[in-house]
Amino acid sequence: MSVATHIATMETYSEIGQTEELDLAQEREIVLRCQNGDADAMGTLVIRYQHWVYSIAYGMLSHHQDAQDIAQDAFLSAWENIGKFRFRSRFSTWLYRIVKNKCLNQMDQYQHRKTDPMEIEEKCKG
């Protein structure tokens, strides 16, 4: 099964219970499999961390759909960049950074899209 299929078929986040973090040896073995192109290993990471990733995104964005989108995008980024992971930290720490950065980028986009009401009024007068 492809990684995109694993990510696209994630259950509704609110229905998924939290799972315990993988121990270091398990995590390393799964990440190494991912680095060797094993999409099922990435599916294991998605299943293990999807609720946690969603929770981080929702905590930062306070919007269900945006949090789901960020979670999916974060897992795709993790898969695309898994070869860059060097085991200097836990995989979950690396994944947290990906999620946080994506959320910050999303928040920055929100700020740029907001229009000042005075700006609209001035354009209407002019």
C-alpha atoms as a PDB file:
ATOM      1  CA  MET A   1       0.000   0.000   0.000  1.00  0.00           C
ATOM      2  CA  SER A   2       1.369   3.463  -0.854  1.00  0.00           C
ATOM      3  CA  VAL A   3       2.061   6.116   1.745  1.00  0.00           C
ATOM      4  CA  ALA A   4      -0.496   8.395   0.126  1.00  0.00           C
ATOM      5  CA  THR A   5      -3.099   5.642   0.538  1.00  0.00           C
ATOM      6  CA  HIS A   6      -2.187   5.221   4.215  1.00  0.00           C
ATOM      7  CA  ILE A   7      -2.497   8.950   4.773  1.00  0.00           C
ATOM      8  CA  ALA A   8      -5.646   9.376   2.683  1.00  0.00           C
ATOM      9  CA  THR A   9      -7.422   6.594   4.564  1.00  0.00           C
ATOM     10  CA  MET A  10      -6.625   7.820   8.088  1.00  0.00           C
ATOM     11  CA  GLU A  11      -9.614   7.478  10.359  1.00  0.00           C
ATOM     12  CA  THR A  12     -11.353  10.541  11.745  1.00  0.00           C
ATOM     13  CA  TYR A  13      -8.867  11.964  14.207  1.00  0.00           C
ATOM     14  CA  SER A  14     -11.363  12.554  16.984  1.00  0.00           C
ATOM     15  CA  GLU A  15     -12.211   8.836  16.995  1.00  0.00           C
ATOM     16  CA  ILE A  16      -8.638   7.630  17.387  1.00  0.00           C
ATOM     17  CA  GLY A  17      -7.309   6.996  20.852  1.00  0.00           C
ATOM     18  CA  GLN A  18      -3.831   8.047  21.783  1.00  0.00           C
ATOM     19  CA  THR A  19      -1.168   5.401  21.543  1.00  0.00           C
ATOM     20  CA  GLU A  20       2.021   5.001  23.481  1.00  0.00           C
ATOM     21  CA  GLU A  21       5.230   6.234  21.963  1.00  0.00           C
ATOM     22  CA  LEU A  22       7.354   3.566  20.303  1.00  0.00           C
ATOM     23  CA  ASP A  23      10.462   2.529  22.204  1.00  0.00           C
ATOM     24  CA  LEU A  24      13.727   3.723  20.696  1.00  0.00           C
ATOM     25  CA  ALA A  25      14.685   0.368  19.140  1.00  0.00           C
ATOM     26  CA  GLN A  26      11.247  -0.089  17.515  1.00  0.00           C
ATOM     27  CA  GLU A  27      11.246   3.471  16.251  1.00  0.00           C
ATOM     28  CA  ARG A  28      14.732   3.109  14.749  1.00  0.00           C
ATOM     29  CA  GLU A  29      13.839  -0.149  12.999  1.00  0.00           C
ATOM     30  CA  ILE A  30      10.650   1.320  11.509  1.00  0.00           C
ATOM     31  CA  VAL A  31      12.384   4.517  10.368  1.00  0.00           C
ATOM     32  CA  LEU A  32      15.186   2.505   8.761  1.00  0.00           C
ATOM     33  CA  ARG A  33      12.563   0.498   6.883  1.00  0.00           C
ATOM     34  CA  CYS A  34      10.985   3.785   5.734  1.00  0.00           C
ATOM     35  CA  GLN A  35      14.375   5.023   4.567  1.00  0.00           C
ATOM     36  CA  ASN A  36      14.603   1.860   2.469  1.00  0.00           C
ATOM     37  CA  GLY A  37      11.281   2.704   0.791  1.00  0.00           C
ATOM     38  CA  ASP A  38       8.919   0.545   2.878  1.00  0.00           C
ATOM     39  CA  ALA A  39       5.559   2.347   2.624  1.00  0.00           C
ATOM     40  CA  ASP A  40       3.969  -0.079   5.095  1.00  0.00           C
ATOM     41  CA  ALA A  41       6.516   1.003   7.704  1.00  0.00           C
ATOM     42  CA  MET A  42       5.475   4.609   7.109  1.00  0.00           C
ATOM     43  CA  GLY A  43       1.870   3.486   7.483  1.00  0.00           C
ATOM     44  CA  THR A  44       2.833   2.159  10.909  1.00  0.00           C
ATOM     45  CA  LEU A  45       4.202   5.577  11.868  1.00  0.00           C
ATOM     46  CA  VAL A  46       1.093   7.301  10.522  1.00  0.00           C
ATOM     47  CA  ILE A  47      -1.180   5.050  12.563  1.00  0.00           C
ATOM     48  CA  ARG A  48       0.991   5.452  15.650  1.00  0.00           C
ATOM     49  CA  TYR A  49       1.286   9.249  15.535  1.00  0.00           C
ATOM     50  CA  GLN A  50      -1.784  10.508  13.649  1.00  0.00           C
ATOM     51  CA  HIS A  51      -3.789  11.542  16.709  1.00  0.00           C
ATOM     52  CA  TRP A  52      -0.781  13.209  18.291  1.00  0.00           C
ATOM     53  CA  VAL A  53       0.070  15.116  15.080  1.00  0.00           C
ATOM     54  CA  TYR A  54      -3.543  16.221  14.670  1.00  0.00           C
ATOM     55  CA  SER A  55      -3.618  17.363  18.313  1.00  0.00           C
ATOM     56  CA  ILE A  56      -0.545  19.527  17.821  1.00  0.00           C
ATOM     57  CA  ALA A  57      -1.975  21.090  14.664  1.00  0.00           C
ATOM     58  CA  TYR A  58      -5.401  21.645  16.205  1.00  0.00           C
ATOM     59  CA  GLY A  59      -3.825  23.154  19.315  1.00  0.00           C
ATOM     60  CA  MET A  60      -2.014  25.694  17.168  1.00  0.00           C
ATOM     61  CA  LEU A  61      -4.718  26.407  14.581  1.00  0.00           C
ATOM     62  CA  SER A  62      -8.003  25.772  16.438  1.00  0.00           C
ATOM     63  CA  HIS A  63      -9.629  24.621  13.208  1.00  0.00           C
ATOM     64  CA  HIS A  64     -10.518  20.978  12.523  1.00  0.00           C
ATOM     65  CA  GLN A  65     -10.134  20.918   8.729  1.00  0.00           C
ATOM     66  CA  ASP A  66      -6.904  22.902   8.751  1.00  0.00           C
ATOM     67  CA  ALA A  67      -5.483  20.586  11.421  1.00  0.00           C
ATOM     68  CA  GLN A  68      -6.401  17.539   9.316  1.00  0.00           C
ATOM     69  CA  ASP A  69      -4.801  19.099   6.240  1.00  0.00           C
ATOM     70  CA  ILE A  70      -1.634  19.972   8.147  1.00  0.00           C
ATOM     71  CA  ALA A  71      -1.455  16.453   9.616  1.00  0.00           C
ATOM     72  CA  GLN A  72      -1.682  14.862   6.165  1.00  0.00           C
ATOM     73  CA  ASP A  73       0.829  17.309   4.733  1.00  0.00           C
ATOM     74  CA  ALA A  74       3.231  16.688   7.632  1.00  0.00           C
ATOM     75  CA  PHE A  75       3.191  12.929   7.073  1.00  0.00           C
ATOM     76  CA  LEU A  76       3.761  13.392   3.342  1.00  0.00           C
ATOM     77  CA  SER A  77       6.693  15.695   4.094  1.00  0.00           C
ATOM     78  CA  ALA A  78       8.080  13.207   6.583  1.00  0.00           C
ATOM     79  CA  TRP A  79       7.885  10.448   3.970  1.00  0.00           C
ATOM     80  CA  GLU A  80       9.468  12.613   1.264  1.00  0.00           C
ATOM     81  CA  ASN A  81      12.287  13.671   3.587  1.00  0.00           C
ATOM     82  CA  ILE A  82      12.773  10.511   5.668  1.00  0.00           C
ATOM     83  CA  GLY A  83      16.177   9.996   4.088  1.00  0.00           C
ATOM     84  CA  LYS A  84      17.352  13.224   5.762  1.00  0.00           C
ATOM     85  CA  PHE A  85      16.478  11.934   9.229  1.00  0.00           C
ATOM     86  CA  ARG A  86      19.799  11.191  10.967  1.00  0.00           C
ATOM     87  CA  PHE A  87      18.670   9.751  14.341  1.00  0.00           C
ATOM     88  CA  ARG A  88      20.043  12.731  16.278  1.00  0.00           C
ATOM     89  CA  SER A  89      16.691  12.921  18.017  1.00  0.00           C
ATOM     90  CA  ARG A  90      13.601  10.768  18.237  1.00  0.00           C
ATOM     91  CA  PHE A  91      11.484  10.495  15.107  1.00  0.00           C
ATOM     92  CA  SER A  92       8.595  12.026  17.057  1.00  0.00           C
ATOM     93  CA  THR A  93      10.725  15.117  17.815  1.00  0.00           C
ATOM     94  CA  TRP A  94      11.562  15.487  14.129  1.00  0.00           C
ATOM     95  CA  LEU A  95       7.908  15.005  13.184  1.00  0.00           C
ATOM     96  CA  TYR A  96       6.849  17.582  15.787  1.00  0.00           C
ATOM     97  CA  ARG A  97       9.148  20.143  14.143  1.00  0.00           C
ATOM     98  CA  ILE A  98       7.601  19.422  10.741  1.00  0.00           C
ATOM     99  CA  VAL A  99       4.068  19.874  12.120  1.00  0.00           C
ATOM    100  CA  LYS A 100       4.956  23.020  14.037  1.00  0.00           C
ATOM    101  CA  ASN A 101       6.638  24.614  11.000  1.00  0.00           C
ATOM    102  CA  LYS A 102       3.676  23.789   8.775  1.00  0.00           C
ATOM    103  CA  CYS A 103       1.309  25.318  11.324  1.00  0.00           C
ATOM    104  CA  LEU A 104       3.431  28.456  11.596  1.00  0.00           C
ATOM    105  CA  ASN A 105       3.441  28.757   7.799  1.00  0.00           C
ATOM    106  CA  GLN A 106      -0.347  28.348   7.758  1.00  0.00           C
ATOM    107  CA  MET A 107      -0.760  31.006  10.461  1.00  0.00           C
ATOM    108  CA  ASP A 108       1.495  33.332   8.471  1.00  0.00           C
ATOM    109  CA  GLN A 109      -0.714  32.792   5.399  1.00  0.00           C
ATOM    110  CA  TYR A 110      -3.784  33.660   7.500  1.00  0.00           C
ATOM    111  CA  GLN A 111      -2.164  36.945   8.490  1.00  0.00           C
ATOM    112  CA  HIS A 112      -1.330  37.841   4.888  1.00  0.00           C
ATOM    113  CA  ARG A 113      -4.879  37.063   3.707  1.00  0.00           C
ATOM    114  CA  LYS A 114      -6.563  39.305   6.269  1.00  0.00           C
ATOM    115  CA  THR A 115      -7.572  42.648   4.857  1.00  0.00           C
ATOM    116  CA  ASP A 116      -7.822  45.748   6.976  1.00  0.00           C
ATOM    117  CA  PRO A 117     -11.450  47.035   6.934  1.00  0.00           C
ATOM    118  CA  MET A 118     -10.139  50.597   6.491  1.00  0.00           C
ATOM    119  CA  GLU A 119      -8.347  49.452   3.354  1.00  0.00           C
ATOM    120  CA  ILE A 120     -11.649  48.245   1.849  1.00  0.00           C
ATOM    121  CA  GLU A 121     -13.434  51.464   2.799  1.00  0.00           C
ATOM    122  CA  GLU A 122     -10.705  53.608   1.205  1.00  0.00           C
ATOM    123  CA  LYS A 123     -10.855  51.585  -2.032  1.00  0.00           C
ATOM    124  CA  CYS A 124     -14.643  51.966  -2.175  1.00  0.00           C
ATOM    125  CA  LYS A 125     -14.396  55.762  -1.770  1.00  0.00           C
ATOM    126  CA  GLY A 126     -11.593  56.176  -4.263  1.00  0.00           C
END
